[in-house]
Protein backbone atom coordinates (compact mmCIF):
# COMPACT_ATOMS: atom_id res chain seq x y z
CA MET A 1 -2.79 150.53 -7.71
CA THR A 2 -2.12 147.02 -6.62
CA SER A 3 -4.47 144.58 -5.34
CA SER A 4 -3.12 145.50 -1.53
CA GLY A 5 -4.44 149.51 -2.01
CA ILE A 6 -1.02 150.40 -2.44
CA VAL A 7 -0.14 153.08 -4.60
CA SER A 8 3.27 154.27 -6.31
CA HIS A 9 4.94 157.35 -7.99
CA SER A 10 7.97 157.58 -9.52
CA THR A 11 9.92 160.84 -10.12
CA THR A 12 13.30 161.71 -10.24
CA LEU A 13 16.06 163.40 -8.43
CA ALA A 14 18.19 166.59 -9.38
CA ASP A 15 20.95 164.54 -10.49
CA GLY A 16 18.74 162.13 -12.81
CA ARG A 17 18.45 159.09 -9.93
CA GLU A 18 14.80 157.62 -9.82
CA LEU A 19 13.03 157.83 -6.57
CA ILE A 20 9.38 156.18 -6.02
CA TYR A 21 7.32 156.83 -2.92
CA PHE A 22 4.90 153.47 -2.13
CA ASP A 23 1.83 155.27 -0.42
CA ASP A 24 0.04 152.80 2.62
CA ALA A 25 -3.07 151.45 1.84
CA ASN A 26 -4.32 153.54 4.52
CA THR A 27 -2.31 156.59 3.75
CA THR A 28 -2.80 160.49 4.95
CA LEU A 29 -0.13 161.97 2.45
CA ALA A 30 -1.49 163.43 -0.46
CA PRO A 31 -0.53 162.19 -4.21
CA GLY A 32 1.22 164.95 -5.27
CA ARG A 33 5.16 165.32 -4.33
CA THR A 34 7.73 168.08 -4.04
CA ALA A 35 10.55 168.11 -6.66
CA ASP A 36 13.78 167.87 -6.00
CA ALA A 37 15.45 171.33 -5.62
CA ARG A 38 19.35 170.47 -5.20
CA HIS A 39 21.84 171.49 -7.44
CA LEU A 40 23.85 168.23 -7.06
CA ASP A 41 27.32 167.03 -8.73
CA PRO A 42 26.68 164.43 -11.94
CA ARG A 43 26.28 160.88 -11.22
CA PRO A 44 29.69 159.20 -10.94
CA ALA A 45 31.47 156.78 -12.82
CA THR A 46 30.22 153.17 -13.00
CA ALA A 47 32.96 151.11 -11.24
CA LEU A 48 35.28 148.46 -12.61
CA MET A 49 35.19 145.07 -11.29
CA ARG A 50 37.90 142.43 -11.48
CA GLN A 51 37.78 138.65 -11.52
CA ASP A 52 39.74 136.74 -8.35
CA VAL A 53 40.94 133.95 -10.69
CA LEU A 54 41.44 131.65 -7.37
CA THR A 55 37.86 131.32 -6.98
CA GLY A 56 36.47 132.88 -10.13
CA GLU A 57 34.43 135.59 -7.79
CA TRP A 58 34.07 138.94 -8.92
CA VAL A 59 35.18 142.11 -7.04
CA SER A 60 33.89 145.76 -7.81
CA HIS A 61 35.95 147.75 -6.45
CA ALA A 62 33.77 151.65 -6.31
CA ALA A 63 35.86 154.12 -4.58
CA ASN A 64 32.95 156.66 -4.89
CA ARG A 65 31.82 154.92 -1.42
CA GLN A 66 34.80 155.89 0.55
CA ASN A 67 33.16 159.24 1.60
CA ARG A 68 29.33 158.26 2.34
CA VAL A 69 27.85 159.95 5.11
CA PHE A 70 29.00 157.95 8.20
CA LEU A 71 26.35 158.11 11.34
CA PRO A 72 25.06 161.84 11.22
CA PRO A 73 23.23 163.65 13.86
CA ALA A 74 19.36 163.11 13.39
CA ASP A 75 18.79 166.55 11.81
CA GLN A 76 21.10 165.96 8.81
CA ASP A 77 19.82 162.10 8.41
CA PRO A 78 20.39 162.39 4.23
CA LEU A 79 16.83 159.17 4.13
CA ALA A 80 14.44 161.66 6.25
CA PRO A 81 11.94 163.85 4.79
CA ALA A 82 13.60 167.09 3.33
CA SER A 83 13.40 170.20 5.19
CA ALA A 84 14.99 173.82 4.97
CA ASN A 85 17.98 172.53 7.46
CA ASN A 86 18.28 169.12 6.05
CA PRO A 87 18.39 168.53 2.17
CA SER A 88 18.23 165.18 2.19
CA GLU A 89 17.50 162.73 -0.22
CA VAL A 90 13.65 162.60 -0.48
CA PRO A 91 12.69 166.09 -1.04
CA ASP A 92 8.97 165.12 0.47
CA ASN A 93 7.38 163.36 3.49
CA TYR A 94 6.69 159.78 2.82
CA ASP A 95 5.04 156.21 3.78
CA VAL A 96 8.05 154.32 2.04
CA ALA A 97 10.30 155.81 -0.19
CA VAL A 98 13.15 154.03 -2.82
CA PHE A 99 15.75 155.90 -4.61
CA GLU A 100 18.84 154.82 -6.46
CA ASN A 101 21.99 154.92 -4.14
CA ARG A 102 24.20 157.99 -5.05
CA SER A 103 27.27 156.15 -4.30
CA PRO A 104 26.61 152.61 -5.92
CA SER A 105 28.57 149.59 -5.73
CA PHE A 106 27.14 148.67 -8.79
CA GLY A 107 26.10 151.06 -11.91
CA PRO A 108 24.71 153.45 -13.01
CA ALA A 109 25.36 152.00 -15.98
CA LEU A 110 23.31 149.04 -17.28
CA ASP A 111 25.21 148.34 -20.40
CA GLY A 112 27.55 149.72 -22.50
CA PRO A 113 31.46 149.95 -23.36
CA GLY A 114 33.42 147.27 -21.15
CA ALA A 115 30.08 145.88 -19.28
CA PRO A 116 30.16 142.11 -19.76
CA THR A 117 27.62 140.35 -23.01
CA SER A 118 26.24 137.26 -21.51
CA LEU A 119 25.91 135.22 -18.07
CA ALA A 120 28.70 133.05 -19.82
CA ASP A 121 30.51 135.71 -19.79
CA MET A 122 30.98 136.18 -16.74
CA GLN A 123 31.38 132.31 -15.49
CA GLU A 124 34.37 132.58 -17.50
CA ILE A 125 37.81 131.96 -15.88
CA GLY A 126 41.11 133.65 -16.46
CA ILE A 127 44.20 136.23 -15.33
CA GLY A 128 43.24 140.01 -15.64
CA ARG A 129 39.66 139.86 -16.45
CA SER A 130 37.83 143.30 -15.67
CA PHE A 131 34.22 144.68 -16.37
CA THR A 132 32.30 147.67 -15.83
CA ALA A 133 30.53 147.00 -12.84
CA VAL A 134 26.97 147.34 -14.41
CA GLY A 135 23.85 147.18 -12.49
CA ARG A 136 21.87 149.09 -9.82
CA CYS A 137 21.87 149.68 -5.73
CA GLU A 138 18.45 151.27 -4.45
CA VAL A 139 17.90 152.51 -0.80
CA VAL A 140 14.74 151.40 0.58
CA CYS A 141 13.78 153.96 3.37
CA PHE A 142 11.16 151.84 5.04
CA SER A 143 10.05 154.94 7.47
CA PRO A 144 10.33 159.19 7.54
CA GLN A 145 11.11 158.11 11.08
CA THR A 146 15.19 158.92 11.72
CA GLU A 147 15.63 155.90 14.07
CA GLY A 148 14.23 152.16 13.90
CA SER A 149 14.28 148.89 11.83
CA PHE A 150 12.42 147.09 10.00
CA GLY A 151 10.79 144.97 13.29
CA SER A 152 9.76 149.11 14.67
CA LEU A 153 7.39 149.27 12.17
CA SER A 154 3.61 148.69 11.98
CA GLU A 155 2.01 145.72 10.14
CA THR A 156 0.76 148.06 7.44
CA ARG A 157 4.13 149.69 6.68
CA ALA A 158 5.56 146.46 6.79
CA ARG A 159 3.23 145.42 4.14
CA THR A 160 4.03 148.68 2.27
CA VAL A 161 7.46 147.37 1.93
CA ILE A 162 7.03 144.16 1.22
CA GLU A 163 4.82 145.54 -1.99
CA ALA A 164 8.17 147.63 -2.78
CA TRP A 165 10.12 144.89 -2.43
CA ALA A 166 8.24 143.04 -5.16
CA ASP A 167 8.04 146.19 -7.51
CA ARG A 168 11.45 146.41 -7.52
CA THR A 169 12.40 143.09 -7.67
CA ALA A 170 9.65 142.69 -11.34
CA ALA A 171 11.46 146.14 -12.40
CA LEU A 172 15.26 145.34 -11.70
CA SER A 173 14.62 142.18 -13.14
CA ALA A 174 13.35 143.29 -16.43
CA MET A 175 16.62 145.39 -16.74
CA PRO A 176 19.41 145.11 -19.29
CA GLY A 177 22.47 143.14 -17.58
CA ILE A 178 21.20 142.39 -14.54
CA GLN A 179 21.21 138.51 -13.61
CA GLN A 180 19.90 138.45 -9.78
CA VAL A 181 18.32 140.75 -7.88
CA PHE A 182 19.05 140.83 -3.64
CA PRO A 183 16.99 142.60 -1.14
CA PHE A 184 18.43 143.18 2.46
CA GLU A 185 18.73 145.10 5.45
CA ASN A 186 21.83 145.56 7.90
CA ARG A 187 20.37 146.46 11.73
CA GLY A 188 23.35 147.94 14.34
CA GLU A 189 26.83 149.85 14.30
CA GLN A 190 28.07 146.00 15.00
CA ILE A 191 27.17 145.00 11.41
CA GLY A 192 28.82 148.10 10.32
CA VAL A 193 25.37 149.97 9.73
CA THR A 194 26.53 153.94 8.82
CA LEU A 195 22.64 155.39 9.20
CA GLN A 196 19.93 154.52 12.05
CA HIS A 197 17.49 155.53 9.58
CA PRO A 198 15.25 152.30 9.54
CA HIS A 199 15.94 151.48 5.95
CA GLY A 200 17.25 148.61 3.47
CA GLN A 201 19.13 147.98 0.16
CA ILE A 202 18.55 146.35 -2.83
CA TYR A 203 21.54 145.03 -4.60
CA SER A 204 20.87 144.23 -8.89
CA TYR A 205 23.60 141.95 -9.95
CA PRO A 206 25.49 141.59 -13.32
CA TYR A 207 26.11 138.00 -12.27
CA VAL A 208 25.35 135.35 -10.03
CA THR A 209 26.34 135.75 -6.63
CA PRO A 210 29.06 132.86 -4.98
CA ARG A 211 26.41 132.05 -2.23
CA THR A 212 24.05 131.26 -4.72
CA THR A 213 26.35 130.09 -6.98
CA ARG A 214 26.92 126.93 -4.94
CA LEU A 215 23.20 126.59 -4.07
CA LEU A 216 23.00 125.86 -8.09
CA GLU A 217 25.57 122.84 -7.39
CA SER A 218 24.00 121.56 -4.52
CA ILE A 219 20.22 121.39 -6.56
CA ASP A 220 22.60 119.55 -9.12
CA ARG A 221 23.36 116.73 -6.43
CA VAL A 222 20.32 116.56 -4.26
CA GLY A 223 17.50 117.17 -6.49
CA ASP A 224 15.27 119.81 -7.95
CA ASP A 225 13.02 119.89 -4.91
CA LEU A 226 15.91 120.40 -2.75
CA PHE A 227 14.05 123.41 -0.86
CA GLU A 228 10.74 120.93 -0.35
CA GLN A 229 13.26 118.71 1.32
CA ILE A 230 14.82 121.10 3.57
CA LEU A 231 11.24 122.50 4.09
CA THR A 232 9.94 119.01 5.23
CA THR A 233 13.03 118.05 7.31
CA GLU A 234 12.99 121.57 9.33
CA ARG A 235 9.14 121.05 9.98
CA ALA A 236 9.46 117.78 11.56
CA SER A 237 12.50 119.01 13.77
CA GLU A 238 13.00 120.87 16.91
CA ARG A 239 14.35 123.95 15.50
CA VAL A 240 10.81 125.30 14.57
CA VAL A 241 10.77 128.58 16.10
CA LEU A 242 7.58 130.40 14.23
CA GLU A 243 4.73 128.60 11.89
CA GLY A 244 2.13 130.03 9.60
CA LYS A 245 -0.26 129.06 6.92
CA HIS A 246 2.46 130.14 4.21
CA TRP A 247 5.59 130.57 5.98
CA THR A 248 8.10 128.40 8.31
CA ALA A 249 10.97 129.85 10.44
CA PHE A 250 13.67 127.56 11.76
CA VAL A 251 17.31 127.63 12.67
CA PRO A 252 18.72 125.51 10.24
CA PHE A 253 20.52 122.07 10.91
CA ALA A 254 23.96 123.08 10.04
CA ALA A 255 23.53 126.84 12.04
CA ARG A 256 26.95 128.80 11.32
CA TRP A 257 26.24 132.06 13.79
CA PRO A 258 25.31 132.06 17.25
CA LEU A 259 21.80 133.54 16.24
CA GLU A 260 20.29 132.37 13.01
CA ILE A 261 16.83 131.90 11.12
CA HIS A 262 16.29 130.92 8.09
CA ALA A 263 12.14 131.25 6.44
CA LEU A 264 10.70 129.53 3.62
CA PRO A 265 6.96 130.09 1.83
CA HIS A 266 5.53 126.94 1.78
CA ARG A 267 5.02 126.88 -1.69
CA HIS A 268 7.71 127.59 -4.27
CA PHE A 269 8.21 130.80 -6.24
CA PRO A 270 11.52 132.26 -7.02
CA ASP A 271 10.86 135.60 -5.85
CA PHE A 272 8.88 138.66 -4.20
CA ALA A 273 7.30 139.34 -7.26
CA ALA A 274 5.86 135.42 -7.69
CA MET A 275 4.34 135.55 -4.50
CA ASN A 276 0.60 136.11 -4.21
CA THR A 277 -1.54 138.44 -2.05
CA GLU A 278 -2.43 136.08 1.08
CA GLU A 279 1.19 135.08 1.45
CA ARG A 280 2.50 139.03 1.39
CA ASP A 281 -0.31 139.68 3.42
CA GLU A 282 0.67 136.69 6.25
CA LEU A 283 4.74 137.91 5.86
CA ALA A 284 4.07 141.05 7.80
CA GLY A 285 2.88 140.01 10.50
CA PHE A 286 5.20 137.16 10.44
CA TYR A 287 8.69 139.23 9.89
CA LEU A 288 7.61 141.23 12.34
CA THR A 289 7.28 138.58 14.74
CA LEU A 290 10.50 137.41 14.11
CA LEU A 291 12.35 140.56 14.11
CA ARG A 292 10.58 141.34 17.48
CA GLY A 293 11.41 138.38 19.16
CA LEU A 294 15.51 138.73 18.18
CA ASP A 295 14.85 141.81 19.89
CA ASN A 296 13.31 140.24 22.91
CA LEU A 297 16.60 138.52 23.86
CA TYR A 298 18.35 140.88 25.46
CA ASP A 299 17.91 144.28 27.05
CA THR A 300 19.78 146.20 23.59
CA PRO A 301 18.52 145.25 20.02
CA THR A 302 19.88 142.80 17.97
CA PRO A 303 22.44 143.42 15.59
CA TYR A 304 21.64 140.92 12.19
CA ILE A 305 21.75 140.98 8.59
CA ALA A 306 18.46 139.83 6.68
CA ALA A 307 19.22 138.35 3.70
CA TRP A 308 16.42 137.61 1.13
CA HIS A 309 17.48 135.30 -1.28
CA GLN A 310 15.95 135.20 -4.66
CA ALA A 311 16.33 133.17 -7.58
CA PRO A 312 18.93 134.68 -10.38
CA VAL A 313 17.00 136.26 -13.38
CA ASN A 314 17.64 133.86 -16.04
CA VAL A 315 18.55 130.27 -14.60
CA GLY A 316 16.95 128.22 -11.45
CA ARG A 317 13.67 129.78 -11.49
CA ASP A 318 11.88 126.24 -11.44
CA THR A 319 14.53 124.83 -8.29
CA VAL A 320 15.82 128.13 -6.23
CA ARG A 321 13.15 129.12 -4.01
CA LEU A 322 12.86 132.64 -2.03
CA MET A 323 14.78 132.08 1.44
CA LEU A 324 15.05 134.64 4.28
CA GLN A 325 17.93 134.50 6.26
CA ILE A 326 18.64 136.43 9.40
CA THR A 327 22.14 136.59 10.86
CA SER A 328 23.52 137.97 13.87
CA PRO A 329 27.04 137.65 15.12
CA ARG A 330 25.97 137.67 19.04
CA ARG A 331 26.74 135.26 21.18
CA ALA A 332 26.06 136.67 24.43
CA GLU A 333 24.56 139.75 25.60
CA THR A 334 27.73 141.56 25.62
CA LYS A 335 29.78 139.18 23.04
CA LEU A 336 30.21 139.21 19.47
CA LYS A 337 31.34 136.48 17.23
CA TYR A 338 34.26 137.76 14.82
CA LEU A 339 35.46 135.48 11.51
CA ALA A 340 38.55 133.97 13.21
CA GLY A 341 41.00 132.07 10.71
CA SER A 342 39.40 129.40 9.94
CA GLU A 343 36.25 131.18 9.26
CA ALA A 344 37.57 134.38 7.02
CA ALA A 345 40.80 132.44 5.37
CA MET A 346 39.19 128.94 4.93
CA GLY A 347 35.39 129.37 5.14
CA ALA A 348 35.25 126.75 7.53
CA PHE A 349 32.70 127.88 10.18
CA ILE A 350 32.79 126.78 13.87
CA GLY A 351 29.44 127.00 15.45
CA ASP A 352 29.23 128.42 19.26
CA VAL A 353 26.09 127.04 20.11
CA LEU A 354 24.07 124.06 18.87
CA PRO A 355 21.17 124.95 16.47
CA GLU A 356 18.42 123.03 18.78
CA GLN A 357 19.96 125.24 21.70
CA SER A 358 19.49 128.23 19.85
CA ALA A 359 16.06 127.71 18.45
CA ALA A 360 14.63 127.35 21.94
CA PHE A 361 16.71 130.80 23.17
CA VAL A 362 14.54 132.41 19.67
CA ARG A 363 11.35 130.78 20.50
CA GLU A 364 11.74 132.20 24.10
CA GLY A 365 12.19 135.66 22.39
CA ILE A 366 8.83 135.20 20.19
CA SER A 367 6.68 133.89 22.66
CA ARG A 368 7.08 137.50 24.54
CA VAL A 369 6.35 139.47 21.40
């Protein structure tokens, strides 16, 4: 049991994948859990990743994902508690459940033949470089309900999910070969969501991602206090949309997307595992307010990607601060921003909305929460 009263129970699914239940502090569920009685095929072989010599970036080719479930009816939801007619991935009722993805982009192998030997090994660049795509991908089920998103949770349940993120960040960071842990939520069919069930994912990479590599380069140029400088600048601007005792959310100075919100803690810590209890408690309500404010902007739910950027496991721990980045392509009620030639081919974004105007719009939605 954690200091918040949230309890976890670890078990295994029929094919050997790990499943962890996280029970709310005020749960009504019994501690025992039904075993997974399915007969499952063996787990797929770990994918291969190849290096793009033009950029040094790694691409995992996970062909096992091609046949994953796509928008099933509610009575065949693979993330709902199992029933006689729906032998799902979670064999019993739950508050929050986390399990290894059946069709992972990385893993299930964490090391072994063909795996990279070190972070330095991954940072070399050359023609025809390939490794086993070691790592781990997990699914985080926010609720047993078949529809919804993080924003539809109670504050108690949101706090349980945050505890799960912290627990899994610590556990995954300790596994061999893991260099970065990334919790995220995709929301909405416009984003490419294939399951309506309220859930997110955690990717554990065998390398430091391109976005974080660029961030580390910026820290080298600007200074170790880069995040403190950003927070000070944004808190003094008209782009702040929500502020608490421990967290501030704002539309960034150089926002790329029509709707883009970043949130930073006021104290430096590298990841969820390093966050204290008071910061986790405040984040539950703070994050819900942000997401519900986004849904108040229009008559229909806002599609988004909510990305929790954490420091790599082995570098930048004292300089890279945990940061939330929410992005949405929604530029009007019935219009989406698509990446055109400049963005998709060159990575040169052209913003459709001034960040200050976007911040005022988001504050209006938050005011109605």
